[in-house]
C-alpha atoms as a PDB file:
ATOM      1  CA  UNK A   1       6.529  -8.326  61.749  1.00  0.00           C
ATOM      2  CA  UNK A   2       7.896  -8.025  58.216  1.00  0.00           C
ATOM      3  CA  UNK A   3       4.899  -7.728  55.862  1.00  0.00           C
ATOM      4  CA  UNK A   4       6.576  -9.801  52.943  1.00  0.00           C
ATOM      5  CA  UNK A   5       7.987 -12.774  55.151  1.00  0.00           C
ATOM      6  CA  UNK A   6       4.759 -13.118  56.926  1.00  0.00           C
ATOM      7  CA  UNK A   7       2.572 -13.270  53.475  1.00  0.00           C
ATOM      8  CA  UNK A   8       5.102 -16.001  52.402  1.00  0.00           C
ATOM      9  CA  UNK A   9       4.506 -18.229  55.550  1.00  0.00           C
ATOM     10  CA  UNK A  10       0.844 -17.655  54.895  1.00  0.00           C
ATOM     11  CA  UNK A  11       1.181 -18.849  51.326  1.00  0.00           C
ATOM     12  CA  UNK A  12       3.061 -21.814  52.579  1.00  0.00           C
ATOM     13  CA  UNK A  13       0.374 -22.812  54.809  1.00  0.00           C
ATOM     14  CA  UNK A  14       1.857 -21.674  58.344  1.00  0.00           C
ATOM     15  CA  UNK A  15      -1.429 -19.794  59.599  1.00  0.00           C
ATOM     16  CA  UNK A  16      -1.888 -18.007  62.814  1.00  0.00           C
ATOM     17  CA  UNK A  17      -5.244 -18.257  64.444  1.00  0.00           C
ATOM     18  CA  UNK A  18      -5.457 -14.326  64.759  1.00  0.00           C
ATOM     19  CA  UNK A  19      -4.201 -11.431  62.616  1.00  0.00           C
ATOM     20  CA  UNK A  20      -4.042  -7.748  62.910  1.00  0.00           C
ATOM     21  CA  UNK A  21      -3.516  -6.065  59.622  1.00  0.00           C
ATOM     22  CA  UNK A  22      -2.643  -2.473  60.889  1.00  0.00           C
ATOM     23  CA  UNK A  23      -1.809   0.748  58.731  1.00  0.00           C
ATOM     24  CA  UNK A  24      -3.293   3.131  56.189  1.00  0.00           C
ATOM     25  CA  UNK A  25      -1.754   1.704  52.987  1.00  0.00           C
ATOM     26  CA  UNK A  26      -4.773   0.240  51.284  1.00  0.00           C
ATOM     27  CA  UNK A  27      -3.027  -1.485  48.666  1.00  0.00           C
ATOM     28  CA  UNK A  28      -0.951  -3.735  50.894  1.00  0.00           C
ATOM     29  CA  UNK A  29      -4.060  -4.157  53.065  1.00  0.00           C
ATOM     30  CA  UNK A  30      -5.917  -5.533  50.007  1.00  0.00           C
ATOM     31  CA  UNK A  31      -3.049  -7.822  49.135  1.00  0.00           C
ATOM     32  CA  UNK A  32      -3.133  -9.261  52.775  1.00  0.00           C
ATOM     33  CA  UNK A  33      -6.913  -9.868  52.313  1.00  0.00           C
ATOM     34  CA  UNK A  34      -6.493 -11.607  48.972  1.00  0.00           C
ATOM     35  CA  UNK A  35      -3.459 -13.634  50.074  1.00  0.00           C
ATOM     36  CA  UNK A  36      -5.370 -14.910  53.178  1.00  0.00           C
ATOM     37  CA  UNK A  37      -8.534 -15.821  51.239  1.00  0.00           C
ATOM     38  CA  UNK A  38      -6.716 -17.602  48.600  1.00  0.00           C
ATOM     39  CA  UNK A  39      -4.494 -19.654  50.909  1.00  0.00           C
ATOM     40  CA  UNK A  40      -7.264 -20.753  53.436  1.00  0.00           C
ATOM     41  CA  UNK A  41     -10.396 -21.165  51.237  1.00  0.00           C
ATOM     42  CA  UNK A  42     -11.200 -22.602  47.764  1.00  0.00           C
ATOM     43  CA  UNK A  43     -14.152 -21.324  45.847  1.00  0.00           C
ATOM     44  CA  UNK A  44     -16.488 -23.665  47.271  1.00  0.00           C
ATOM     45  CA  UNK A  45     -15.647 -23.185  50.795  1.00  0.00           C
ATOM     46  CA  UNK A  46     -15.745 -19.310  50.381  1.00  0.00           C
ATOM     47  CA  UNK A  47     -19.539 -19.363  50.099  1.00  0.00           C
ATOM     48  CA  UNK A  48     -19.846 -21.307  53.482  1.00  0.00           C
ATOM     49  CA  UNK A  49     -16.839 -20.579  55.610  1.00  0.00           C
ATOM     50  CA  UNK A  50     -16.114 -16.802  55.323  1.00  0.00           C
ATOM     51  CA  UNK A  51     -17.499 -13.898  56.857  1.00  0.00           C
ATOM     52  CA  UNK A  52     -16.704 -10.103  56.750  1.00  0.00           C
ATOM     53  CA  UNK A  53     -17.946  -7.620  59.404  1.00  0.00           C
ATOM     54  CA  UNK A  54     -18.011  -3.898  59.635  1.00  0.00           C
ATOM     55  CA  UNK A  55     -17.563  -2.899  63.410  1.00  0.00           C
ATOM     56  CA  UNK A  56     -19.202   0.619  62.389  1.00  0.00           C
ATOM     57  CA  UNK A  57     -22.135  -1.379  61.173  1.00  0.00           C
ATOM     58  CA  UNK A  58     -22.567  -4.625  63.282  1.00  0.00           C
ATOM     59  CA  UNK A  59     -21.646  -5.505  66.746  1.00  0.00           C
ATOM     60  CA  UNK A  60     -18.306  -7.492  67.401  1.00  0.00           C
ATOM     61  CA  UNK A  61     -20.678 -10.380  68.681  1.00  0.00           C
ATOM     62  CA  UNK A  62     -21.906 -10.993  65.260  1.00  0.00           C
ATOM     63  CA  UNK A  63     -18.251 -11.617  64.106  1.00  0.00           C
ATOM     64  CA  UNK A  64     -17.511 -13.783  67.175  1.00  0.00           C
ATOM     65  CA  UNK A  65     -20.449 -15.985  66.852  1.00  0.00           C
ATOM     66  CA  UNK A  66     -19.246 -16.774  63.269  1.00  0.00           C
ATOM     67  CA  UNK A  67     -15.755 -17.197  64.394  1.00  0.00           C
ATOM     68  CA  UNK A  68     -16.811 -19.735  67.139  1.00  0.00           C
ATOM     69  CA  UNK A  69     -18.995 -21.834  64.608  1.00  0.00           C
ATOM     70  CA  UNK A  70     -17.856 -25.081  63.094  1.00  0.00           C
ATOM     71  CA  UNK A  71     -16.807 -24.995  59.574  1.00  0.00           C
ATOM     72  CA  UNK A  72     -19.150 -26.199  56.868  1.00  0.00           C
ATOM     73  CA  UNK A  73     -17.799 -29.009  54.545  1.00  0.00           C
ATOM     74  CA  UNK A  74     -14.292 -27.783  55.204  1.00  0.00           C
ATOM     75  CA  UNK A  75     -11.310 -27.484  57.663  1.00  0.00           C
ATOM     76  CA  UNK A  76     -11.363 -23.898  58.462  1.00  0.00           C
ATOM     77  CA  UNK A  77     -13.539 -20.754  58.688  1.00  0.00           C
ATOM     78  CA  UNK A  78     -12.310 -17.181  57.988  1.00  0.00           C
ATOM     79  CA  UNK A  79     -13.738 -14.088  59.593  1.00  0.00           C
ATOM     80  CA  UNK A  80     -12.521 -10.739  58.851  1.00  0.00           C
ATOM     81  CA  UNK A  81     -13.327  -7.658  61.163  1.00  0.00           C
ATOM     82  CA  UNK A  82     -13.212  -4.337  59.526  1.00  0.00           C
ATOM     83  CA  UNK A  83     -12.638  -0.992  61.156  1.00  0.00           C
ATOM     84  CA  UNK A  84     -12.411  -2.197  64.791  1.00  0.00           C
ATOM     85  CA  UNK A  85     -12.429   1.476  66.029  1.00  0.00           C
ATOM     86  CA  UNK A  86     -12.642   0.128  69.682  1.00  0.00           C
ATOM     87  CA  UNK A  87      -9.005  -0.605  69.401  1.00  0.00           C
ATOM     88  CA  UNK A  88      -8.218   3.001  68.915  1.00  0.00           C
ATOM     89  CA  UNK A  89      -8.933   6.528  70.569  1.00  0.00           C
ATOM     90  CA  UNK A  90     -10.900   7.525  67.548  1.00  0.00           C
ATOM     91  CA  UNK A  91     -14.470   8.495  67.799  1.00  0.00           C
ATOM     92  CA  UNK A  92     -17.154   7.338  65.765  1.00  0.00           C
ATOM     93  CA  UNK A  93     -20.681   8.350  64.985  1.00  0.00           C
ATOM     94  CA  UNK A  94     -22.122   4.499  65.500  1.00  0.00           C
ATOM     95  CA  UNK A  95     -24.337   4.016  68.510  1.00  0.00           C
ATOM     96  CA  UNK A  96     -23.587   0.215  68.476  1.00  0.00           C
ATOM     97  CA  UNK A  97     -22.214  -1.298  71.546  1.00  0.00           C
ATOM     98  CA  UNK A  98     -19.562  -4.134  71.385  1.00  0.00           C
ATOM     99  CA  UNK A  99     -19.097  -6.837  73.828  1.00  0.00           C
ATOM    100  CA  UNK A 100     -15.463  -6.318  74.511  1.00  0.00           C
ATOM    101  CA  UNK A 101     -15.421  -8.986  77.326  1.00  0.00           C
ATOM    102  CA  UNK A 102     -16.575 -11.547  74.913  1.00  0.00           C
ATOM    103  CA  UNK A 103     -13.740 -10.614  72.440  1.00  0.00           C
ATOM    104  CA  UNK A 104     -11.298 -10.771  75.438  1.00  0.00           C
ATOM    105  CA  UNK A 105     -12.467 -14.269  76.134  1.00  0.00           C
ATOM    106  CA  UNK A 106     -12.165 -15.222  72.619  1.00  0.00           C
ATOM    107  CA  UNK A 107      -8.683 -13.927  72.145  1.00  0.00           C
ATOM    108  CA  UNK A 108      -7.573 -15.897  75.376  1.00  0.00           C
ATOM    109  CA  UNK A 109      -9.107 -19.082  73.670  1.00  0.00           C
ATOM    110  CA  UNK A 110      -9.406 -18.724  69.960  1.00  0.00           C
ATOM    111  CA  UNK A 111     -11.127 -21.320  67.785  1.00  0.00           C
ATOM    112  CA  UNK A 112      -8.682 -23.811  66.423  1.00  0.00           C
ATOM    113  CA  UNK A 113     -10.655 -24.003  63.177  1.00  0.00           C
ATOM    114  CA  UNK A 114     -10.891 -20.240  62.514  1.00  0.00           C
ATOM    115  CA  UNK A 115      -8.540 -17.547  61.476  1.00  0.00           C
ATOM    116  CA  UNK A 116      -9.970 -14.167  62.555  1.00  0.00           C
ATOM    117  CA  UNK A 117      -8.348 -11.107  60.929  1.00  0.00           C
ATOM    118  CA  UNK A 118      -8.897  -7.561  62.304  1.00  0.00           C
ATOM    119  CA  UNK A 119      -8.432  -5.010  59.398  1.00  0.00           C
ATOM    120  CA  UNK A 120      -7.380  -1.861  61.266  1.00  0.00           C
ATOM    121  CA  UNK A 121      -6.998   1.140  58.825  1.00  0.00           C
ATOM    122  CA  UNK A 122      -5.367   3.275  61.470  1.00  0.00           C
ATOM    123  CA  UNK A 123      -1.904   4.789  62.064  1.00  0.00           C
ATOM    124  CA  UNK A 124      -1.833   3.084  65.334  1.00  0.00           C
ATOM    125  CA  UNK A 125      -3.824   1.526  68.089  1.00  0.00           C
ATOM    126  CA  UNK A 126      -4.525   2.926  71.536  1.00  0.00           C
ATOM    127  CA  UNK A 127      -2.016   0.942  73.680  1.00  0.00           C
ATOM    128  CA  UNK A 128      -3.425   1.981  76.995  1.00  0.00           C
ATOM    129  CA  UNK A 129      -6.765  -0.170  76.343  1.00  0.00           C
ATOM    130  CA  UNK A 130      -6.618  -3.469  78.056  1.00  0.00           C
ATOM    131  CA  UNK A 131      -8.447  -4.979  74.721  1.00  0.00           C
ATOM    132  CA  UNK A 132      -5.430  -3.811  72.470  1.00  0.00           C
ATOM    133  CA  UNK A 133      -2.771  -4.885  74.760  1.00  0.00           C
ATOM    134  CA  UNK A 134      -4.388  -8.399  74.779  1.00  0.00           C
ATOM    135  CA  UNK A 135      -4.918  -8.407  71.075  1.00  0.00           C
ATOM    136  CA  UNK A 136      -1.113  -7.590  70.700  1.00  0.00           C
ATOM    137  CA  UNK A 137      -0.110 -10.376  72.722  1.00  0.00           C
ATOM    138  CA  UNK A 138      -2.243 -13.208  70.848  1.00  0.00           C
ATOM    139  CA  UNK A 139      -2.221 -11.923  67.386  1.00  0.00           C
ATOM    140  CA  UNK A 140       0.298 -11.860  64.618  1.00  0.00           C
ATOM    141  CA  UNK A 141       0.595  -7.983  63.390  1.00  0.00           C
ATOM    142  CA  UNK A 142       0.894  -7.366  59.841  1.00  0.00           C
ATOM    143  CA  UNK A 143       1.959  -3.547  59.411  1.00  0.00           C
ATOM    144  CA  UNK A 144       0.926  -1.946  56.104  1.00  0.00           C
ATOM    145  CA  UNK A 145       1.902   1.548  56.804  1.00  0.00           C
ATOM    146  CA  UNK A 146       2.127   3.987  54.075  1.00  0.00           C
ATOM    147  CA  UNK A 147       5.345   3.758  52.494  1.00  0.00           C
ATOM    148  CA  UNK A 148       7.988   6.415  52.032  1.00  0.00           C
ATOM    149  CA  UNK A 149       8.469   7.919  48.620  1.00  0.00           C
ATOM    150  CA  UNK A 150      11.658   6.085  48.160  1.00  0.00           C
ATOM    151  CA  UNK A 151       9.972   2.581  49.366  1.00  0.00           C
ATOM    152  CA  UNK A 152       7.217   3.315  47.026  1.00  0.00           C
ATOM    153  CA  UNK A 153       9.342   4.180  43.864  1.00  0.00           C
ATOM    154  CA  UNK A 154      11.290   0.826  44.713  1.00  0.00           C
ATOM    155  CA  UNK A 155       8.214  -1.210  44.944  1.00  0.00           C
ATOM    156  CA  UNK A 156       6.956   0.170  41.534  1.00  0.00           C
ATOM    157  CA  UNK A 157      10.252  -0.413  39.870  1.00  0.00           C
ATOM    158  CA  UNK A 158      10.190  -4.040  41.204  1.00  0.00           C
ATOM    159  CA  UNK A 159       6.687  -4.460  40.176  1.00  0.00           C
ATOM    160  CA  UNK A 160       7.291  -3.092  36.449  1.00  0.00           C
ATOM    161  CA  UNK A 161      10.619  -5.224  36.180  1.00  0.00           C
ATOM    162  CA  UNK A 162       8.576  -8.363  37.397  1.00  0.00           C
ATOM    163  CA  UNK A 163       6.127  -8.072  34.581  1.00  0.00           C
ATOM    164  CA  UNK A 164       9.263  -7.706  32.406  1.00  0.00           C
ATOM    165  CA  UNK A 165       8.392  -4.023  31.346  1.00  0.00           C
ATOM    166  CA  UNK A 166      10.992  -1.263  30.874  1.00  0.00           C
ATOM    167  CA  UNK A 167      10.337   2.536  30.943  1.00  0.00           C
ATOM    168  CA  UNK A 168      12.152   5.905  30.171  1.00  0.00           C
ATOM    169  CA  UNK A 169      13.294   7.952  33.225  1.00  0.00           C
ATOM    170  CA  UNK A 170      10.888  10.804  32.156  1.00  0.00           C
ATOM    171  CA  UNK A 171       7.876   8.328  32.030  1.00  0.00           C
ATOM    172  CA  UNK A 172       8.682   7.185  35.483  1.00  0.00           C
ATOM    173  CA  UNK A 173       8.962  10.385  37.149  1.00  0.00           C
ATOM    174  CA  UNK A 174       5.612  11.707  35.482  1.00  0.00           C
ATOM    175  CA  UNK A 175       3.927   8.390  36.551  1.00  0.00           C
ATOM    176  CA  UNK A 176       5.003   9.196  40.303  1.00  0.00           C
ATOM    177  CA  UNK A 177       3.846  12.680  40.044  1.00  0.00           C
ATOM    178  CA  UNK A 178       0.266  11.853  38.379  1.00  0.00           C
ATOM    179  CA  UNK A 179      -0.315   9.237  40.986  1.00  0.00           C
ATOM    180  CA  UNK A 180       0.966  11.625  43.945  1.00  0.00           C
ATOM    181  CA  UNK A 181       3.488   8.883  44.844  1.00  0.00           C
ATOM    182  CA  UNK A 182       0.750   6.980  46.489  1.00  0.00           C
ATOM    183  CA  UNK A 183       1.076   3.255  46.165  1.00  0.00           C
ATOM    184  CA  UNK A 184      -2.522   2.160  46.031  1.00  0.00           C
ATOM    185  CA  UNK A 185      -3.180   4.850  43.247  1.00  0.00           C
ATOM    186  CA  UNK A 186      -0.143   3.697  41.210  1.00  0.00           C
ATOM    187  CA  UNK A 187      -0.839   0.095  41.434  1.00  0.00           C
ATOM    188  CA  UNK A 188      -4.424   0.712  40.194  1.00  0.00           C
ATOM    189  CA  UNK A 189      -3.074   2.593  37.119  1.00  0.00           C
ATOM    190  CA  UNK A 190      -0.279   0.361  36.187  1.00  0.00           C
ATOM    191  CA  UNK A 191      -2.287  -2.414  34.240  1.00  0.00           C
ATOM    192  CA  UNK A 192      -3.504   0.299  31.857  1.00  0.00           C
ATOM    193  CA  UNK A 193       0.421   1.050  30.923  1.00  0.00           C
ATOM    194  CA  UNK A 194       0.924  -2.831  30.853  1.00  0.00           C
ATOM    195  CA  UNK A 195      -1.975  -3.109  28.411  1.00  0.00           C
ATOM    196  CA  UNK A 196      -1.064  -0.034  26.424  1.00  0.00           C
ATOM    197  CA  UNK A 197       2.602  -1.288  25.839  1.00  0.00           C
ATOM    198  CA  UNK A 198       2.019  -4.891  25.571  1.00  0.00           C
ATOM    199  CA  UNK A 199       3.908  -5.117  22.228  1.00  0.00           C
ATOM    200  CA  UNK A 200       6.809  -3.181  22.816  1.00  0.00           C
ATOM    201  CA  UNK A 201       7.250  -3.738  26.557  1.00  0.00           C
ATOM    202  CA  UNK A 202       8.539  -0.281  27.044  1.00  0.00           C
ATOM    203  CA  UNK A 203       6.546   2.439  28.912  1.00  0.00           C
ATOM    204  CA  UNK A 204       7.010   6.071  27.419  1.00  0.00           C
ATOM    205  CA  UNK A 205       6.296   9.349  28.709  1.00  0.00           C
ATOM    206  CA  UNK A 206       3.541   9.728  25.886  1.00  0.00           C
ATOM    207  CA  UNK A 207       1.846   6.901  27.344  1.00  0.00           C
ATOM    208  CA  UNK A 208       1.914   8.056  30.824  1.00  0.00           C
ATOM    209  CA  UNK A 209       0.496  11.550  29.806  1.00  0.00           C
ATOM    210  CA  UNK A 210      -2.340   9.831  27.601  1.00  0.00           C
ATOM    211  CA  UNK A 211      -3.519   7.304  29.903  1.00  0.00           C
ATOM    212  CA  UNK A 212      -2.920   8.562  33.527  1.00  0.00           C
ATOM    213  CA  UNK A 213      -5.642  11.026  34.146  1.00  0.00           C
ATOM    214  CA  UNK A 214      -4.766  14.139  36.145  1.00  0.00           C
ATOM    215  CA  UNK A 215      -6.770  14.571  39.572  1.00  0.00           C
ATOM    216  CA  UNK A 216      -8.346  18.104  40.199  1.00  0.00           C
ATOM    217  CA  UNK A 217      -5.680  18.693  42.583  1.00  0.00           C
ATOM    218  CA  UNK A 218      -2.801  18.100  40.129  1.00  0.00           C
ATOM    219  CA  UNK A 219      -4.691  20.340  37.561  1.00  0.00           C
ATOM    220  CA  UNK A 220      -4.958  23.029  40.290  1.00  0.00           C
ATOM    221  CA  UNK A 221      -1.258  22.784  41.245  1.00  0.00           C
ATOM    222  CA  UNK A 222      -0.369  23.397  37.449  1.00  0.00           C
ATOM    223  CA  UNK A 223      -3.082  26.179  37.634  1.00  0.00           C
ATOM    224  CA  UNK A 224      -1.043  27.819  40.543  1.00  0.00           C
ATOM    225  CA  UNK A 225       2.290  27.411  38.499  1.00  0.00           C
ATOM    226  CA  UNK A 226       0.775  29.528  35.696  1.00  0.00           C
ATOM    227  CA  UNK A 227      -0.701  32.161  38.144  1.00  0.00           C
ATOM    228  CA  UNK A 228       2.720  32.546  39.852  1.00  0.00           C
ATOM    229  CA  UNK A 229       4.535  32.701  36.477  1.00  0.00           C
ATOM    230  CA  UNK A 230       1.685  35.426  35.364  1.00  0.00           C
ATOM    231  CA  UNK A 231       0.914  33.250  32.290  1.00  0.00           C
ATOM    232  CA  UNK A 232      -2.614  34.652  32.073  1.00  0.00           C
ATOM    233  CA  UNK A 233      -3.442  32.907  28.855  1.00  0.00           C
ATOM    234  CA  UNK A 234      -2.557  29.328  30.190  1.00  0.00           C
ATOM    235  CA  UNK A 235      -4.106  29.961  33.450  1.00  0.00           C
ATOM    236  CA  UNK A 236      -7.441  31.047  31.924  1.00  0.00           C
ATOM    237  CA  UNK A 237      -7.122  28.289  29.384  1.00  0.00           C
ATOM    238  CA  UNK A 238      -6.940  25.495  31.975  1.00  0.00           C
ATOM    239  CA  UNK A 239      -9.592  27.242  34.259  1.00  0.00           C
ATOM    240  CA  UNK A 240     -11.939  27.183  31.355  1.00  0.00           C
ATOM    241  CA  UNK A 241     -11.109  23.280  30.979  1.00  0.00           C
ATOM    242  CA  UNK A 242     -12.057  22.736  34.383  1.00  0.00           C
ATOM    243  CA  UNK A 243     -15.287  24.454  34.107  1.00  0.00           C
ATOM    244  CA  UNK A 244     -16.164  22.408  31.020  1.00  0.00           C
ATOM    245  CA  UNK A 245     -15.400  19.668  33.119  1.00  0.00           C
ATOM    246  CA  UNK A 246     -18.165  20.710  35.477  1.00  0.00           C
ATOM    247  CA  UNK A 247     -16.037  21.687  38.397  1.00  0.00           C
ATOM    248  CA  UNK A 248     -17.274  24.149  40.695  1.00  0.00           C
ATOM    249  CA  UNK A 249     -15.523  27.578  40.965  1.00  0.00           C
ATOM    250  CA  UNK A 250     -16.056  27.592  44.629  1.00  0.00           C
ATOM    251  CA  UNK A 251     -14.243  24.351  45.024  1.00  0.00           C
ATOM    252  CA  UNK A 252     -11.436  25.200  42.487  1.00  0.00           C
ATOM    253  CA  UNK A 253     -10.821  28.429  44.546  1.00  0.00           C
ATOM    254  CA  UNK A 254     -10.961  26.616  47.911  1.00  0.00           C
ATOM    255  CA  UNK A 255      -8.126  23.943  46.715  1.00  0.00           C
ATOM    256  CA  UNK A 256      -5.972  26.655  45.205  1.00  0.00           C
ATOM    257  CA  UNK A 257      -6.255  28.637  48.435  1.00  0.00           C
ATOM    258  CA  UNK A 258      -5.320  25.510  50.338  1.00  0.00           C
ATOM    259  CA  UNK A 259      -2.363  24.835  48.191  1.00  0.00           C
ATOM    260  CA  UNK A 260      -1.100  28.296  48.468  1.00  0.00           C
ATOM    261  CA  UNK A 261      -1.541  28.232  52.307  1.00  0.00           C
ATOM    262  CA  UNK A 262       0.817  25.060  52.290  1.00  0.00           C
ATOM    263  CA  UNK A 263       3.388  26.898  49.975  1.00  0.00           C
ATOM    264  CA  UNK A 264       3.262  29.807  52.622  1.00  0.00           C
ATOM    265  CA  UNK A 265       3.570  27.317  55.714  1.00  0.00           C
ATOM    266  CA  UNK A 266       6.479  25.541  54.058  1.00  0.00           C
ATOM    267  CA  UNK A 267       8.308  28.664  53.366  1.00  0.00           C
ATOM    268  CA  UNK A 268       8.064  29.921  57.008  1.00  0.00           C
ATOM    269  CA  UNK A 269       9.139  26.701  58.229  1.00  0.00           C
ATOM    270  CA  UNK A 270      11.981  26.345  55.847  1.00  0.00           C
ATOM    271  CA  UNK A 271      13.168  29.771  57.055  1.00  0.00           C
ATOM    272  CA  UNK A 272      12.995  28.485  60.657  1.00  0.00           C
ATOM    273  CA  UNK A 273      15.306  25.579  59.803  1.00  0.00           C
ATOM    274  CA  UNK A 274      12.801  22.569  59.388  1.00  0.00           C
ATOM    275  CA  UNK A 275      13.643  19.885  56.926  1.00  0.00           C
ATOM    276  CA  UNK A 276      11.223  18.372  54.488  1.00  0.00           C
ATOM    277  CA  UNK A 277      10.224  15.335  56.626  1.00  0.00           C
ATOM    278  CA  UNK A 278       9.910  17.385  59.631  1.00  0.00           C
ATOM    279  CA  UNK A 279       7.518  19.971  57.934  1.00  0.00           C
ATOM    280  CA  UNK A 280       5.475  16.993  56.585  1.00  0.00           C
ATOM    281  CA  UNK A 281       5.022  15.725  60.077  1.00  0.00           C
ATOM    282  CA  UNK A 282       4.516  19.275  61.508  1.00  0.00           C
ATOM    283  CA  UNK A 283       1.680  19.897  58.983  1.00  0.00           C
ATOM    284  CA  UNK A 284       0.459  16.374  58.906  1.00  0.00           C
ATOM    285  CA  UNK A 285       0.798  16.399  55.215  1.00  0.00           C
ATOM    286  CA  UNK A 286       1.891  13.652  52.742  1.00  0.00           C
ATOM    287  CA  UNK A 287       5.667  13.977  52.410  1.00  0.00           C
ATOM    288  CA  UNK A 288       5.421  14.081  48.653  1.00  0.00           C
ATOM    289  CA  UNK A 289       3.102  17.046  48.741  1.00  0.00           C
ATOM    290  CA  UNK A 290       5.823  18.900  50.999  1.00  0.00           C
ATOM    291  CA  UNK A 291       8.418  17.741  48.275  1.00  0.00           C
ATOM    292  CA  UNK A 292       6.648  19.445  45.668  1.00  0.00           C
ATOM    293  CA  UNK A 293       5.801  22.511  47.652  1.00  0.00           C
ATOM    294  CA  UNK A 294       9.698  22.925  48.240  1.00  0.00           C
ATOM    295  CA  UNK A 295      10.245  22.710  44.565  1.00  0.00           C
ATOM    296  CA  UNK A 296       7.636  25.421  43.879  1.00  0.00           C
ATOM    297  CA  UNK A 297       8.018  27.858  46.477  1.00  0.00           C
ATOM    298  CA  UNK A 298      11.797  28.166  46.219  1.00  0.00           C
ATOM    299  CA  UNK A 299      11.262  29.966  42.959  1.00  0.00           C
ATOM    300  CA  UNK A 300       8.983  32.569  44.426  1.00  0.00           C
ATOM    301  CA  UNK A 301       9.354  35.343  47.057  1.00  0.00           C
ATOM    302  CA  UNK A 302       7.253  35.009  50.101  1.00  0.00           C
ATOM    303  CA  UNK A 303       5.511  38.412  49.408  1.00  0.00           C
ATOM    304  CA  UNK A 304       4.306  36.941  45.920  1.00  0.00           C
ATOM    305  CA  UNK A 305       2.833  33.956  47.632  1.00  0.00           C
ATOM    306  CA  UNK A 306       1.079  36.186  50.097  1.00  0.00           C
ATOM    307  CA  UNK A 307      -0.342  38.507  47.235  1.00  0.00           C
ATOM    308  CA  UNK A 308      -1.719  35.475  45.643  1.00  0.00           C
ATOM    309  CA  UNK A 309      -3.278  33.897  48.939  1.00  0.00           C
ATOM    310  CA  UNK A 310      -4.862  37.152  49.726  1.00  0.00           C
ATOM    311  CA  UNK A 311      -6.280  37.471  46.224  1.00  0.00           C
ATOM    312  CA  UNK A 312      -7.875  34.231  46.401  1.00  0.00           C
ATOM    313  CA  UNK A 313      -9.364  34.979  50.043  1.00  0.00           C
ATOM    314  CA  UNK A 314     -10.982  38.048  48.401  1.00  0.00           C
ATOM    315  CA  UNK A 315     -12.311  35.890  45.536  1.00  0.00           C
ATOM    316  CA  UNK A 316     -13.701  33.387  48.010  1.00  0.00           C
ATOM    317  CA  UNK A 317     -15.531  36.175  49.749  1.00  0.00           C
ATOM    318  CA  UNK A 318     -17.169  37.417  46.183  1.00  0.00           C
ATOM    319  CA  UNK A 319     -18.160  33.911  45.209  1.00  0.00           C
ATOM    320  CA  UNK A 320     -19.608  33.037  48.594  1.00  0.00           C
ATOM    321  CA  UNK A 321     -21.504  36.435  48.741  1.00  0.00           C
ATOM    322  CA  UNK A 322     -22.787  36.431  45.241  1.00  0.00           C
ATOM    323  CA  UNK A 323     -20.767  39.504  44.289  1.00  0.00           C
ATOM    324  CA  UNK A 324     -20.465  39.569  40.525  1.00  0.00           C
ATOM    325  CA  UNK A 325     -20.453  36.807  38.059  1.00  0.00           C
ATOM    326  CA  UNK A 326     -19.395  33.448  39.824  1.00  0.00           C
ATOM    327  CA  UNK A 327     -17.390  32.138  36.858  1.00  0.00           C
ATOM    328  CA  UNK A 328     -15.527  35.431  36.438  1.00  0.00           C
ATOM    329  CA  UNK A 329     -14.021  35.820  39.665  1.00  0.00           C
ATOM    330  CA  UNK A 330     -11.147  33.439  39.108  1.00  0.00           C
ATOM    331  CA  UNK A 331     -10.264  35.435  35.931  1.00  0.00           C
ATOM    332  CA  UNK A 332     -10.681  38.773  37.767  1.00  0.00           C
ATOM    333  CA  UNK A 333      -7.953  37.190  40.330  1.00  0.00           C
ATOM    334  CA  UNK A 334      -5.556  36.144  37.869  1.00  0.00           C
ATOM    335  CA  UNK A 335      -5.768  39.590  35.942  1.00  0.00           C
ATOM    336  CA  UNK A 336      -5.403  41.685  39.117  1.00  0.00           C
ATOM    337  CA  UNK A 337      -2.636  39.379  40.366  1.00  0.00           C
ATOM    338  CA  UNK A 338      -0.575  39.674  36.797  1.00  0.00           C
ATOM    339  CA  UNK A 339      -0.571  43.449  37.229  1.00  0.00           C
ATOM    340  CA  UNK A 340       1.221  43.177  40.538  1.00  0.00           C
ATOM    341  CA  UNK A 341       4.963  43.483  41.025  1.00  0.00           C
ATOM    342  CA  UNK A 342       6.904  40.763  39.358  1.00  0.00           C
ATOM    343  CA  UNK A 343       6.538  37.505  41.442  1.00  0.00           C
ATOM    344  CA  UNK A 344      10.398  36.730  40.989  1.00  0.00           C
ATOM    345  CA  UNK A 345      12.837  37.673  38.390  1.00  0.00           C
ATOM    346  CA  UNK A 346      13.755  34.223  37.959  1.00  0.00           C
ATOM    347  CA  UNK A 347      10.313  32.713  37.170  1.00  0.00           C
END
């Protein structure tokens, strides 16, 4: 069901007895959670008539006991069921046994005074299971799937416009890059930009650079760029900065290796005729990462990527076996790689 239109119904007081919030977009799931609570309970009722239960920590029976209870000094109870893994094919380490027969009975005859909400942070449910089939028949499904990059950009632009702010194109592109085109990350960072630009109502590239902190993965992406360009000075400077931030050389090497592996995989699959979207599905990787990989690997010959990848594998061996100084292994790799044949005449 359409997420936005269903939230509008909830805000207007049209409430279902059972909901399933299904999907991996944590920001939209948090919006659904807040909307339901704000629409159904006031501050006083929240203390007495709200319960949240994690199915990896407590049994579903505990949640159902709450759902079947009469509201205290109010008209409605709200019960949230988090991580209902028994609706999926996923395995979990928990040894809890869930009384699904009790749940089936409840779904067939839900309490009129309770709103029961399942927050299922999964891409899909196991449609073969009896309990899943019954739930889909009796519940209102709110899908909070991860947005595509296009949808994410549109959502962010609309959010900024609704707050009556403007931005430069360069600022917007850098913001998308530094938040990895992830809605939950972007929405967590936007308030900082709004506060910084509250006088001018204009978000600049400089503000984004100053306020949005680069993740380790993004710093290493830049590190890989310097390596491929054989810019030894910039590569070593950034590496030293990461060490000053107490980043572990083994972890840095591992992430670099992973990023180069992705570049090689994208290169190979593109040669086989795969498009970006197909590659993301094939590699089970965020589409934005594949997009960046396309931009990066098209400047570089395959042999240069392999040279770098093999150099990092050698460095990893030395790091893990204690050969030489731990922090010097990356510097040795950079210097050796820079002496190899030119990565690409266009770089």
